[in-house]
Amino acid sequence: MTPIPRLSADDRRAQIIEAVTPAVLTHGIAVTTRQLAEAAGVSEGTLFKAFGDKESLLLALAEYHLTMEHAGETAAMPLDTLEEVVSWTLRELVERTRFVFRLVMALGPIGQRAAASARADFEASKHRLAGRFEPFRDELRVSPVVAADVVRTLAWAAASSWGEHGAVSSVDEILEVLLHGIVHDPAVSSTRGGTHGAVVSALATDTQKG
């Protein structure tokens, strides 16, 4: 029988972080080590051995999730057109940004500290996202980096309530502006037909499945 390979220390820490994240989102910084251990299916002693103490675990959790390495930057389906790239990327980023907002708020000062230290990675992510737009450079009015930055900025807007009870702009509304402009053109609207709606609907369904 082939022995089951043991997890490395880093993989074990990542496994624990993934397991305890729902408990942290529910209880925030007040979560107890007992609740964390139960969520991870390990003893409190194992948690202390892996992370040192609760604050160190929560900080490691925040840094783990705020690093784009764990953000699922690779699309889960082939993207053959610029419209598909924009639609998929915006929806993906809105979902991630909502999660990040929730996590940082749950962790309070620990989340804010982790967010501040992740700024360099956040800036680098713009250039990684630009790679999605590079194959469609000739169809863009701006450079791929600018396109990535605009989509990312609008994803932030769609994920934020800006002090309102709900998000100011829906994802579909932002997609309309991104893909077809802010000025209403009846001629363009009539010729566009149902194609855009079908693409958006398919992408939304695949995102939910993922």
N, C-alpha and C. Protein backbone atom coordinates (compact mmCIF):
# COMPACT_ATOMS: atom_id res chain seq x y z
N MET A 1 0.84 -1.19 0.00
CA MET A 1 0.00 0.00 0.00
C MET A 1 0.88 1.25 0.00
N THR A 2 0.58 2.16 -0.91
CA THR A 2 1.34 3.40 -0.99
C THR A 2 0.97 4.32 0.17
N PRO A 3 1.97 4.76 0.96
CA PRO A 3 1.65 5.62 2.11
C PRO A 3 1.09 6.97 1.65
N ILE A 4 0.16 7.51 2.42
CA ILE A 4 -0.42 8.82 2.12
C ILE A 4 0.60 9.89 2.49
N PRO A 5 0.99 10.74 1.53
CA PRO A 5 2.00 11.76 1.84
C PRO A 5 1.50 12.73 2.91
N ARG A 6 2.38 13.09 3.81
CA ARG A 6 2.04 14.04 4.86
C ARG A 6 2.06 15.46 4.30
N LEU A 7 1.17 16.29 4.81
CA LEU A 7 1.13 17.68 4.38
C LEU A 7 2.34 18.43 4.90
N SER A 8 2.84 19.36 4.10
CA SER A 8 3.89 20.24 4.59
C SER A 8 3.30 21.19 5.62
N ALA A 9 4.15 21.86 6.38
CA ALA A 9 3.68 22.79 7.40
C ALA A 9 2.83 23.89 6.77
N ASP A 10 3.27 24.39 5.61
CA ASP A 10 2.52 25.46 4.94
C ASP A 10 1.17 24.97 4.45
N ASP A 11 1.14 23.76 3.89
CA ASP A 11 -0.13 23.21 3.41
C ASP A 11 -1.08 22.95 4.57
N ARG A 12 -0.54 22.50 5.69
CA ARG A 12 -1.37 22.25 6.86
C ARG A 12 -1.97 23.55 7.39
N ARG A 13 -1.15 24.60 7.41
CA ARG A 13 -1.65 25.91 7.86
C ARG A 13 -2.74 26.41 6.92
N ALA A 14 -2.53 26.25 5.62
CA ALA A 14 -3.54 26.68 4.65
C ALA A 14 -4.83 25.89 4.82
N GLN A 15 -4.71 24.60 5.09
CA GLN A 15 -5.89 23.76 5.30
C GLN A 15 -6.68 24.24 6.52
N ILE A 16 -5.98 24.57 7.58
CA ILE A 16 -6.64 25.06 8.79
C ILE A 16 -7.32 26.40 8.52
N ILE A 17 -6.62 27.28 7.81
CA ILE A 17 -7.18 28.60 7.50
C ILE A 17 -8.48 28.47 6.71
N GLU A 18 -8.47 27.62 5.69
CA GLU A 18 -9.67 27.42 4.89
C GLU A 18 -10.82 26.90 5.75
N ALA A 19 -10.50 25.98 6.67
CA ALA A 19 -11.53 25.36 7.49
C ALA A 19 -12.15 26.33 8.49
N VAL A 20 -11.34 27.24 9.03
CA VAL A 20 -11.84 28.14 10.08
C VAL A 20 -12.42 29.44 9.54
N THR A 21 -12.25 29.71 8.26
CA THR A 21 -12.71 30.98 7.70
C THR A 21 -14.21 31.22 7.93
N PRO A 22 -15.10 30.25 7.71
CA PRO A 22 -16.52 30.51 7.99
C PRO A 22 -16.78 30.92 9.44
N ALA A 23 -16.08 30.30 10.38
CA ALA A 23 -16.26 30.66 11.79
C ALA A 23 -15.80 32.08 12.06
N VAL A 24 -14.72 32.49 11.41
CA VAL A 24 -14.21 33.85 11.58
C VAL A 24 -15.19 34.86 11.00
N LEU A 25 -15.76 34.55 9.84
CA LEU A 25 -16.74 35.45 9.24
C LEU A 25 -17.98 35.57 10.11
N THR A 26 -18.33 34.50 10.82
CA THR A 26 -19.52 34.51 11.67
C THR A 26 -19.27 35.25 12.98
N HIS A 27 -18.14 34.99 13.62
CA HIS A 27 -17.89 35.52 14.96
C HIS A 27 -16.93 36.71 14.99
N GLY A 28 -16.23 36.94 13.89
CA GLY A 28 -15.29 38.05 13.85
C GLY A 28 -14.13 37.84 14.79
N ILE A 29 -13.57 38.93 15.26
CA ILE A 29 -12.38 38.88 16.10
C ILE A 29 -12.66 38.26 17.47
N ALA A 30 -13.96 38.15 17.82
CA ALA A 30 -14.34 37.56 19.11
C ALA A 30 -14.34 36.04 19.08
N VAL A 31 -14.08 35.44 17.94
CA VAL A 31 -14.07 33.98 17.84
C VAL A 31 -13.09 33.41 18.85
N THR A 32 -13.43 32.31 19.49
CA THR A 32 -12.57 31.71 20.50
C THR A 32 -11.68 30.64 19.88
N THR A 33 -10.60 30.32 20.57
CA THR A 33 -9.71 29.27 20.07
C THR A 33 -10.44 27.93 20.05
N ARG A 34 -11.39 27.75 20.97
CA ARG A 34 -12.17 26.52 20.97
C ARG A 34 -13.03 26.43 19.71
N GLN A 35 -13.66 27.53 19.33
CA GLN A 35 -14.48 27.55 18.12
C GLN A 35 -13.61 27.32 16.89
N LEU A 36 -12.42 27.90 16.89
CA LEU A 36 -11.51 27.72 15.77
C LEU A 36 -11.06 26.26 15.66
N ALA A 37 -10.73 25.68 16.80
CA ALA A 37 -10.27 24.29 16.80
C ALA A 37 -11.38 23.35 16.33
N GLU A 38 -12.61 23.60 16.79
CA GLU A 38 -13.74 22.77 16.37
C GLU A 38 -13.98 22.89 14.87
N ALA A 39 -13.86 24.12 14.35
CA ALA A 39 -14.06 24.33 12.92
C ALA A 39 -13.00 23.61 12.09
N ALA A 40 -11.78 23.58 12.62
CA ALA A 40 -10.67 22.95 11.89
C ALA A 40 -10.61 21.45 12.13
N GLY A 41 -11.34 20.97 13.15
CA GLY A 41 -11.29 19.54 13.46
C GLY A 41 -9.98 19.12 14.09
N VAL A 42 -9.36 20.04 14.84
CA VAL A 42 -8.09 19.74 15.52
C VAL A 42 -8.19 20.20 16.97
N SER A 43 -7.17 19.91 17.74
CA SER A 43 -7.14 20.37 19.12
C SER A 43 -6.64 21.81 19.17
N GLU A 44 -6.93 22.48 20.27
CA GLU A 44 -6.41 23.85 20.44
C GLU A 44 -4.88 23.83 20.45
N GLY A 45 -4.31 22.76 20.99
CA GLY A 45 -2.86 22.65 21.01
C GLY A 45 -2.26 22.63 19.62
N THR A 46 -2.97 21.97 18.69
CA THR A 46 -2.51 21.93 17.30
C THR A 46 -2.53 23.32 16.69
N LEU A 47 -3.58 24.10 17.01
CA LEU A 47 -3.65 25.48 16.52
C LEU A 47 -2.47 26.29 17.03
N PHE A 48 -2.19 26.17 18.32
CA PHE A 48 -1.09 26.94 18.91
C PHE A 48 0.25 26.53 18.31
N LYS A 49 0.38 25.22 18.03
CA LYS A 49 1.63 24.74 17.43
C LYS A 49 1.81 25.29 16.02
N ALA A 50 0.70 25.39 15.28
CA ALA A 50 0.77 25.85 13.89
C ALA A 50 0.91 27.36 13.77
N PHE A 51 0.27 28.11 14.69
CA PHE A 51 0.22 29.57 14.52
C PHE A 51 0.74 30.38 15.72
N GLY A 52 0.90 29.76 16.84
CA GLY A 52 1.40 30.48 18.01
C GLY A 52 0.29 30.92 18.94
N ASP A 53 -0.60 31.79 18.46
CA ASP A 53 -1.73 32.23 19.26
C ASP A 53 -2.86 32.66 18.33
N LYS A 54 -4.00 33.04 18.93
CA LYS A 54 -5.17 33.35 18.11
C LYS A 54 -4.93 34.55 17.19
N GLU A 55 -4.32 35.60 17.71
CA GLU A 55 -4.11 36.79 16.88
C GLU A 55 -3.23 36.48 15.68
N SER A 56 -2.20 35.66 15.91
CA SER A 56 -1.31 35.28 14.80
C SER A 56 -2.07 34.47 13.76
N LEU A 57 -2.98 33.60 14.22
CA LEU A 57 -3.79 32.82 13.28
C LEU A 57 -4.69 33.74 12.46
N LEU A 58 -5.36 34.69 13.13
CA LEU A 58 -6.27 35.59 12.42
C LEU A 58 -5.52 36.47 11.43
N LEU A 59 -4.33 36.91 11.81
CA LEU A 59 -3.53 37.71 10.89
C LEU A 59 -3.09 36.88 9.69
N ALA A 60 -2.68 35.65 9.95
CA ALA A 60 -2.28 34.75 8.85
C ALA A 60 -3.46 34.49 7.93
N LEU A 61 -4.65 34.33 8.51
CA LEU A 61 -5.85 34.11 7.72
C LEU A 61 -6.15 35.30 6.82
N ALA A 62 -6.06 36.49 7.38
CA ALA A 62 -6.32 37.70 6.59
C ALA A 62 -5.31 37.84 5.47
N GLU A 63 -4.04 37.63 5.76
CA GLU A 63 -2.99 37.76 4.74
C GLU A 63 -3.16 36.71 3.65
N TYR A 64 -3.56 35.52 4.04
CA TYR A 64 -3.78 34.43 3.08
C TYR A 64 -4.86 34.81 2.08
N HIS A 65 -5.99 35.31 2.57
CA HIS A 65 -7.11 35.62 1.69
C HIS A 65 -6.90 36.92 0.92
N LEU A 66 -6.10 37.82 1.43
CA LEU A 66 -5.89 39.09 0.74
C LEU A 66 -4.78 39.02 -0.29
N THR A 67 -4.11 37.88 -0.36
CA THR A 67 -3.06 37.69 -1.37
C THR A 67 -3.69 37.13 -2.62
N MET A 68 -3.43 37.76 -3.77
CA MET A 68 -4.08 37.36 -5.01
C MET A 68 -3.71 35.95 -5.44
N GLU A 69 -2.66 35.40 -4.84
CA GLU A 69 -2.28 34.02 -5.15
C GLU A 69 -3.42 33.05 -4.86
N HIS A 70 -4.30 33.44 -3.91
CA HIS A 70 -5.40 32.57 -3.52
C HIS A 70 -6.74 33.11 -4.01
N ALA A 71 -6.71 34.04 -4.97
CA ALA A 71 -7.94 34.73 -5.35
C ALA A 71 -8.63 34.11 -6.55
N GLY A 72 -8.11 33.04 -7.10
CA GLY A 72 -8.78 32.43 -8.24
C GLY A 72 -8.73 33.30 -9.47
N GLU A 73 -7.53 33.79 -9.84
CA GLU A 73 -7.43 34.72 -10.96
C GLU A 73 -7.62 34.05 -12.32
N THR A 74 -7.48 32.74 -12.37
CA THR A 74 -7.63 32.05 -13.65
C THR A 74 -9.09 31.72 -13.90
N ALA A 75 -9.60 32.17 -15.01
CA ALA A 75 -11.01 31.94 -15.32
C ALA A 75 -11.29 30.44 -15.43
N ALA A 76 -12.48 30.04 -15.01
CA ALA A 76 -12.83 28.63 -14.97
C ALA A 76 -13.42 28.14 -16.29
N MET A 77 -13.45 29.00 -17.31
CA MET A 77 -14.00 28.58 -18.59
C MET A 77 -13.26 29.33 -19.70
N PRO A 78 -13.24 28.78 -20.92
CA PRO A 78 -12.58 29.48 -22.02
C PRO A 78 -13.28 30.81 -22.30
N LEU A 79 -12.50 31.85 -22.49
CA LEU A 79 -13.05 33.17 -22.79
C LEU A 79 -12.61 33.54 -24.20
N ASP A 80 -13.55 33.47 -25.14
CA ASP A 80 -13.20 33.59 -26.55
C ASP A 80 -13.41 34.99 -27.11
N THR A 81 -14.16 35.84 -26.40
CA THR A 81 -14.42 37.18 -26.91
C THR A 81 -14.12 38.20 -25.82
N LEU A 82 -13.93 39.44 -26.23
CA LEU A 82 -13.67 40.51 -25.28
C LEU A 82 -14.86 40.69 -24.34
N GLU A 83 -16.07 40.56 -24.87
CA GLU A 83 -17.26 40.71 -24.03
C GLU A 83 -17.29 39.64 -22.94
N GLU A 84 -16.91 38.43 -23.27
CA GLU A 84 -16.86 37.37 -22.26
C GLU A 84 -15.80 37.66 -21.21
N VAL A 85 -14.65 38.16 -21.63
CA VAL A 85 -13.58 38.49 -20.69
C VAL A 85 -14.04 39.56 -19.71
N VAL A 86 -14.66 40.62 -20.23
CA VAL A 86 -15.13 41.71 -19.37
C VAL A 86 -16.20 41.20 -18.40
N SER A 87 -17.17 40.46 -18.92
CA SER A 87 -18.27 39.97 -18.09
C SER A 87 -17.78 39.04 -17.00
N TRP A 88 -16.97 38.07 -17.38
CA TRP A 88 -16.48 37.10 -16.41
C TRP A 88 -15.61 37.78 -15.36
N THR A 89 -14.69 38.63 -15.81
CA THR A 89 -13.75 39.27 -14.88
C THR A 89 -14.47 40.16 -13.89
N LEU A 90 -15.44 40.94 -14.36
CA LEU A 90 -16.18 41.82 -13.45
C LEU A 90 -16.92 41.00 -12.40
N ARG A 91 -17.62 39.97 -12.82
CA ARG A 91 -18.38 39.16 -11.87
C ARG A 91 -17.45 38.47 -10.86
N GLU A 92 -16.35 37.97 -11.33
CA GLU A 92 -15.38 37.30 -10.47
C GLU A 92 -14.84 38.28 -9.42
N LEU A 93 -14.49 39.49 -9.87
CA LEU A 93 -13.91 40.48 -8.96
C LEU A 93 -14.93 41.02 -7.97
N VAL A 94 -16.18 41.18 -8.40
CA VAL A 94 -17.22 41.64 -7.48
C VAL A 94 -17.40 40.63 -6.36
N GLU A 95 -17.45 39.36 -6.71
CA GLU A 95 -17.62 38.31 -5.70
C GLU A 95 -16.45 38.31 -4.72
N ARG A 96 -15.24 38.43 -5.24
CA ARG A 96 -14.07 38.43 -4.36
C ARG A 96 -14.04 39.68 -3.50
N THR A 97 -14.35 40.84 -4.08
CA THR A 97 -14.31 42.08 -3.32
C THR A 97 -15.32 42.09 -2.18
N ARG A 98 -16.51 41.55 -2.44
CA ARG A 98 -17.51 41.44 -1.37
C ARG A 98 -16.98 40.58 -0.23
N PHE A 99 -16.31 39.48 -0.58
CA PHE A 99 -15.73 38.61 0.44
C PHE A 99 -14.66 39.36 1.24
N VAL A 100 -13.81 40.10 0.54
CA VAL A 100 -12.73 40.83 1.21
C VAL A 100 -13.30 41.89 2.15
N PHE A 101 -14.30 42.64 1.68
CA PHE A 101 -14.95 43.64 2.55
C PHE A 101 -15.45 42.98 3.83
N ARG A 102 -16.15 41.85 3.66
CA ARG A 102 -16.74 41.16 4.81
C ARG A 102 -15.65 40.68 5.76
N LEU A 103 -14.57 40.14 5.21
CA LEU A 103 -13.48 39.62 6.03
C LEU A 103 -12.79 40.73 6.81
N VAL A 104 -12.46 41.82 6.14
CA VAL A 104 -11.76 42.92 6.80
C VAL A 104 -12.63 43.52 7.91
N MET A 105 -13.92 43.66 7.66
CA MET A 105 -14.81 44.19 8.68
C MET A 105 -14.91 43.24 9.87
N ALA A 106 -14.94 41.92 9.61
CA ALA A 106 -15.04 40.95 10.69
C ALA A 106 -13.79 40.95 11.56
N LEU A 107 -12.64 41.21 10.96
CA LEU A 107 -11.38 41.15 11.69
C LEU A 107 -10.93 42.50 12.25
N GLY A 108 -11.65 43.56 11.95
CA GLY A 108 -11.34 44.86 12.54
C GLY A 108 -9.90 45.29 12.30
N PRO A 109 -9.18 45.69 13.37
CA PRO A 109 -7.80 46.19 13.20
C PRO A 109 -6.85 45.16 12.59
N ILE A 110 -7.08 43.89 12.86
CA ILE A 110 -6.23 42.85 12.27
C ILE A 110 -6.43 42.81 10.76
N GLY A 111 -7.68 42.91 10.32
CA GLY A 111 -7.97 42.93 8.89
C GLY A 111 -7.41 44.16 8.22
N GLN A 112 -7.49 45.30 8.89
CA GLN A 112 -6.97 46.54 8.33
C GLN A 112 -5.45 46.48 8.19
N ARG A 113 -4.79 45.87 9.19
CA ARG A 113 -3.34 45.74 9.12
C ARG A 113 -2.93 44.85 7.94
N ALA A 114 -3.66 43.75 7.77
CA ALA A 114 -3.36 42.84 6.66
C ALA A 114 -3.63 43.51 5.32
N ALA A 115 -4.71 44.29 5.23
CA ALA A 115 -5.04 44.98 3.99
C ALA A 115 -3.95 45.99 3.62
N ALA A 116 -3.42 46.68 4.62
CA ALA A 116 -2.36 47.66 4.35
C ALA A 116 -1.10 46.98 3.82
N SER A 117 -0.78 45.79 4.36
CA SER A 117 0.43 45.10 3.92
C SER A 117 0.25 44.43 2.57
N ALA A 118 -1.00 44.31 2.10
CA ALA A 118 -1.28 43.63 0.83
C ALA A 118 -1.37 44.61 -0.34
N ARG A 119 -1.08 45.89 -0.11
CA ARG A 119 -1.25 46.88 -1.17
C ARG A 119 -0.36 46.61 -2.37
N ALA A 120 0.86 46.16 -2.15
CA ALA A 120 1.76 45.90 -3.26
C ALA A 120 1.22 44.77 -4.14
N ASP A 121 0.69 43.74 -3.50
CA ASP A 121 0.12 42.63 -4.26
C ASP A 121 -1.12 43.07 -5.02
N PHE A 122 -1.92 43.95 -4.40
CA PHE A 122 -3.11 44.47 -5.05
C PHE A 122 -2.73 45.24 -6.31
N GLU A 123 -1.67 46.03 -6.25
CA GLU A 123 -1.22 46.79 -7.42
C GLU A 123 -0.72 45.84 -8.50
N ALA A 124 0.01 44.80 -8.09
CA ALA A 124 0.53 43.85 -9.07
C ALA A 124 -0.60 43.07 -9.74
N SER A 125 -1.70 42.88 -9.03
CA SER A 125 -2.81 42.11 -9.60
C SER A 125 -3.39 42.79 -10.84
N LYS A 126 -3.29 44.12 -10.90
CA LYS A 126 -3.79 44.85 -12.06
C LYS A 126 -3.06 44.39 -13.33
N HIS A 127 -1.77 44.19 -13.21
CA HIS A 127 -0.99 43.77 -14.37
C HIS A 127 -1.25 42.30 -14.72
N ARG A 128 -1.54 41.49 -13.71
CA ARG A 128 -1.88 40.10 -14.00
C ARG A 128 -3.24 40.02 -14.71
N LEU A 129 -4.18 40.83 -14.26
CA LEU A 129 -5.48 40.85 -14.91
C LEU A 129 -5.38 41.39 -16.34
N ALA A 130 -4.44 42.29 -16.56
CA ALA A 130 -4.26 42.84 -17.90
C ALA A 130 -3.94 41.76 -18.92
N GLY A 131 -3.36 40.66 -18.44
CA GLY A 131 -3.05 39.55 -19.33
C GLY A 131 -4.29 38.97 -19.99
N ARG A 132 -5.43 39.08 -19.31
CA ARG A 132 -6.67 38.59 -19.91
C ARG A 132 -7.09 39.43 -21.12
N PHE A 133 -6.75 40.71 -21.07
CA PHE A 133 -7.18 41.63 -22.12
C PHE A 133 -6.17 41.73 -23.26
N GLU A 134 -4.96 41.25 -23.02
CA GLU A 134 -3.90 41.39 -24.01
C GLU A 134 -4.27 40.78 -25.37
N PRO A 135 -4.89 39.58 -25.43
CA PRO A 135 -5.24 39.01 -26.74
C PRO A 135 -6.25 39.85 -27.53
N PHE A 136 -6.92 40.78 -26.83
CA PHE A 136 -7.95 41.60 -27.48
C PHE A 136 -7.51 43.06 -27.58
N ARG A 137 -6.21 43.29 -27.55
CA ARG A 137 -5.66 44.65 -27.55
C ARG A 137 -6.22 45.48 -28.71
N ASP A 138 -6.34 44.89 -29.89
CA ASP A 138 -6.79 45.63 -31.07
C ASP A 138 -8.27 46.03 -30.97
N GLU A 139 -9.03 45.40 -30.08
CA GLU A 139 -10.45 45.75 -29.91
C GLU A 139 -10.67 46.78 -28.81
N LEU A 140 -9.61 47.09 -28.07
CA LEU A 140 -9.73 48.01 -26.95
C LEU A 140 -9.43 49.45 -27.35
N ARG A 141 -10.10 50.40 -26.72
CA ARG A 141 -9.82 51.81 -26.92
C ARG A 141 -8.69 52.29 -26.00
N VAL A 142 -8.35 51.47 -25.00
CA VAL A 142 -7.29 51.79 -24.05
C VAL A 142 -6.36 50.59 -23.97
N SER A 143 -5.27 50.74 -23.24
CA SER A 143 -4.32 49.64 -23.09
C SER A 143 -4.93 48.55 -22.21
N PRO A 144 -4.42 47.31 -22.31
CA PRO A 144 -4.93 46.24 -21.45
C PRO A 144 -4.82 46.55 -19.96
N VAL A 145 -3.76 47.26 -19.56
CA VAL A 145 -3.59 47.62 -18.15
C VAL A 145 -4.68 48.58 -17.70
N VAL A 146 -4.98 49.57 -18.53
CA VAL A 146 -6.05 50.52 -18.20
C VAL A 146 -7.39 49.80 -18.16
N ALA A 147 -7.63 48.91 -19.11
CA ALA A 147 -8.88 48.14 -19.11
C ALA A 147 -9.02 47.34 -17.83
N ALA A 148 -7.95 46.69 -17.41
CA ALA A 148 -7.98 45.91 -16.18
C ALA A 148 -8.23 46.79 -14.98
N ASP A 149 -7.62 47.96 -14.95
CA ASP A 149 -7.78 48.88 -13.83
C ASP A 149 -9.21 49.39 -13.75
N VAL A 150 -9.81 49.71 -14.90
CA VAL A 150 -11.19 50.21 -14.91
C VAL A 150 -12.16 49.13 -14.44
N VAL A 151 -11.99 47.91 -14.94
CA VAL A 151 -12.87 46.82 -14.54
C VAL A 151 -12.73 46.56 -13.04
N ARG A 152 -11.51 46.59 -12.55
CA ARG A 152 -11.28 46.35 -11.12
C ARG A 152 -11.89 47.45 -10.26
N THR A 153 -11.75 48.70 -10.70
CA THR A 153 -12.31 49.83 -9.96
C THR A 153 -13.83 49.76 -9.92
N LEU A 154 -14.45 49.41 -11.04
CA LEU A 154 -15.90 49.32 -11.09
C LEU A 154 -16.41 48.10 -10.32
N ALA A 155 -15.60 47.06 -10.24
CA ALA A 155 -15.98 45.91 -9.41
C ALA A 155 -16.04 46.33 -7.95
N TRP A 156 -15.11 47.16 -7.55
CA TRP A 156 -15.11 47.71 -6.19
C TRP A 156 -16.40 48.49 -5.95
N ALA A 157 -16.80 49.29 -6.93
CA ALA A 157 -18.03 50.08 -6.81
C ALA A 157 -19.25 49.18 -6.71
N ALA A 158 -19.29 48.12 -7.50
CA ALA A 158 -20.44 47.22 -7.48
C ALA A 158 -20.53 46.44 -6.18
N ALA A 159 -19.38 46.22 -5.55
CA ALA A 159 -19.36 45.45 -4.30
C ALA A 159 -19.63 46.32 -3.08
N SER A 160 -19.55 47.63 -3.25
CA SER A 160 -19.69 48.55 -2.12
C SER A 160 -21.07 49.18 -2.10
N SER A 161 -21.56 49.45 -0.90
CA SER A 161 -22.84 50.14 -0.77
C SER A 161 -22.66 51.66 -0.73
N TRP A 162 -21.41 52.12 -0.54
CA TRP A 162 -21.12 53.55 -0.47
C TRP A 162 -22.05 54.27 0.51
N GLY A 163 -22.29 53.62 1.66
CA GLY A 163 -23.12 54.23 2.68
C GLY A 163 -24.60 53.99 2.50
N GLU A 164 -24.99 53.38 1.37
CA GLU A 164 -26.40 53.08 1.13
C GLU A 164 -26.73 51.71 1.73
N HIS A 165 -28.01 51.36 1.73
CA HIS A 165 -28.42 50.07 2.28
C HIS A 165 -28.02 48.92 1.35
N GLY A 166 -27.94 49.20 0.07
CA GLY A 166 -27.55 48.19 -0.90
C GLY A 166 -26.56 48.78 -1.88
N ALA A 167 -26.02 47.92 -2.76
CA ALA A 167 -25.07 48.40 -3.75
C ALA A 167 -25.73 49.45 -4.65
N VAL A 168 -24.99 50.51 -4.95
CA VAL A 168 -25.52 51.60 -5.76
C VAL A 168 -25.77 51.13 -7.19
N SER A 169 -24.84 50.37 -7.72
CA SER A 169 -24.94 49.89 -9.11
C SER A 169 -24.90 48.37 -9.13
N SER A 170 -25.74 47.77 -9.95
CA SER A 170 -25.71 46.32 -10.09
C SER A 170 -24.59 45.93 -11.06
N VAL A 171 -24.22 44.67 -11.02
CA VAL A 171 -23.19 44.18 -11.93
C VAL A 171 -23.64 44.33 -13.38
N ASP A 172 -24.90 44.01 -13.64
CA ASP A 172 -25.41 44.11 -15.02
C ASP A 172 -25.38 45.55 -15.52
N GLU A 173 -25.71 46.50 -14.65
CA GLU A 173 -25.68 47.92 -15.05
C GLU A 173 -24.26 48.36 -15.38
N ILE A 174 -23.31 47.94 -14.56
CA ILE A 174 -21.91 48.30 -14.81
C ILE A 174 -21.42 47.64 -16.10
N LEU A 175 -21.84 46.41 -16.36
CA LEU A 175 -21.46 45.76 -17.61
C LEU A 175 -22.00 46.52 -18.81
N GLU A 176 -23.23 47.01 -18.72
CA GLU A 176 -23.81 47.79 -19.81
C GLU A 176 -22.94 49.00 -20.13
N VAL A 177 -22.49 49.71 -19.09
CA VAL A 177 -21.66 50.90 -19.30
C VAL A 177 -20.31 50.51 -19.87
N LEU A 178 -19.70 49.45 -19.32
CA LEU A 178 -18.40 49.01 -19.79
C LEU A 178 -18.42 48.59 -21.25
N LEU A 179 -19.45 47.84 -21.62
CA LEU A 179 -19.49 47.25 -22.95
C LEU A 179 -20.12 48.15 -24.00
N HIS A 180 -21.03 49.05 -23.58
CA HIS A 180 -21.79 49.81 -24.57
C HIS A 180 -21.84 51.31 -24.31
N GLY A 181 -21.17 51.79 -23.27
CA GLY A 181 -21.12 53.22 -23.03
C GLY A 181 -22.23 53.71 -22.12
N ILE A 182 -22.07 54.94 -21.64
CA ILE A 182 -23.03 55.51 -20.70
C ILE A 182 -24.15 56.29 -21.40
N VAL A 183 -23.93 56.63 -22.67
CA VAL A 183 -24.92 57.41 -23.43
C VAL A 183 -25.86 56.46 -24.16
N HIS A 184 -27.15 56.64 -23.98
CA HIS A 184 -28.15 55.78 -24.60
C HIS A 184 -28.21 56.03 -26.11
N ASP A 185 -28.11 54.95 -26.87
CA ASP A 185 -28.19 55.03 -28.32
C ASP A 185 -29.24 54.02 -28.78
N PRO A 186 -30.45 54.46 -29.12
CA PRO A 186 -31.52 53.54 -29.51
C PRO A 186 -31.13 52.63 -30.66
N ALA A 187 -30.36 53.14 -31.60
CA ALA A 187 -29.97 52.33 -32.76
C ALA A 187 -29.10 51.16 -32.32
N VAL A 188 -28.14 51.46 -31.43
CA VAL A 188 -27.26 50.40 -30.94
C VAL A 188 -28.05 49.41 -30.11
N SER A 189 -28.97 49.92 -29.28
CA SER A 189 -29.76 49.05 -28.42
C SER A 189 -30.60 48.08 -29.23
N SER A 190 -31.18 48.55 -30.33
CA SER A 190 -32.05 47.70 -31.13
C SER A 190 -31.28 46.64 -31.90
N THR A 191 -30.06 46.98 -32.33
CA THR A 191 -29.28 46.01 -33.10
C THR A 191 -28.57 45.02 -32.20
N ARG A 192 -28.41 45.40 -30.94
CA ARG A 192 -27.71 44.51 -30.03
C ARG A 192 -28.54 43.28 -29.73
N GLY A 193 -29.84 43.45 -29.68
CA GLY A 193 -30.75 42.32 -29.48
C GLY A 193 -30.50 41.58 -28.20
N GLY A 194 -30.68 40.29 -28.24
CA GLY A 194 -30.57 39.49 -27.03
C GLY A 194 -29.21 38.85 -26.84
N THR A 195 -28.26 39.11 -27.71
CA THR A 195 -26.97 38.44 -27.62
C THR A 195 -26.26 38.73 -26.32
N HIS A 196 -26.19 40.04 -25.96
CA HIS A 196 -25.49 40.39 -24.74
C HIS A 196 -26.15 39.76 -23.52
N GLY A 197 -27.48 39.79 -23.49
CA GLY A 197 -28.19 39.21 -22.35
C GLY A 197 -27.92 37.74 -22.22
N ALA A 198 -27.83 37.04 -23.35
CA ALA A 198 -27.57 35.60 -23.32
C ALA A 198 -26.18 35.31 -22.80
N VAL A 199 -25.21 36.11 -23.23
CA VAL A 199 -23.83 35.92 -22.77
C VAL A 199 -23.74 36.18 -21.28
N VAL A 200 -24.32 37.29 -20.82
CA VAL A 200 -24.28 37.63 -19.39
C VAL A 200 -24.96 36.55 -18.57
N SER A 201 -26.11 36.06 -19.03
CA SER A 201 -26.85 35.04 -18.30
C SER A 201 -26.02 33.76 -18.19
N ALA A 202 -25.36 33.36 -19.28
CA ALA A 202 -24.55 32.15 -19.26
C ALA A 202 -23.36 32.29 -18.32
N LEU A 203 -22.72 33.47 -18.36
CA LEU A 203 -21.58 33.70 -17.49
C LEU A 203 -22.00 33.71 -16.04
N ALA A 204 -23.12 34.32 -15.74
CA ALA A 204 -23.62 34.38 -14.36
C ALA A 204 -23.90 32.97 -13.85
N THR A 205 -24.51 32.14 -14.70
CA THR A 205 -24.83 30.78 -14.30
C THR A 205 -23.57 29.99 -14.02
N ASP A 206 -22.56 30.12 -14.90
CA ASP A 206 -21.30 29.39 -14.70
C ASP A 206 -20.57 29.87 -13.46
N THR A 207 -20.64 31.19 -13.17
CA THR A 207 -20.00 31.72 -11.98
C THR A 207 -20.64 31.14 -10.73
N GLN A 208 -21.97 31.06 -10.71
CA GLN A 208 -22.67 30.51 -9.56
C GLN A 208 -22.33 29.03 -9.37
N LYS A 209 -22.21 28.30 -10.49
CA LYS A 209 -21.85 26.89 -10.39
C LYS A 209 -20.45 26.73 -9.81
N GLY A 210 -19.53 27.67 -10.23
CA GLY A 210 -18.16 27.57 -9.74
C GLY A 210 -18.07 27.91 -8.30
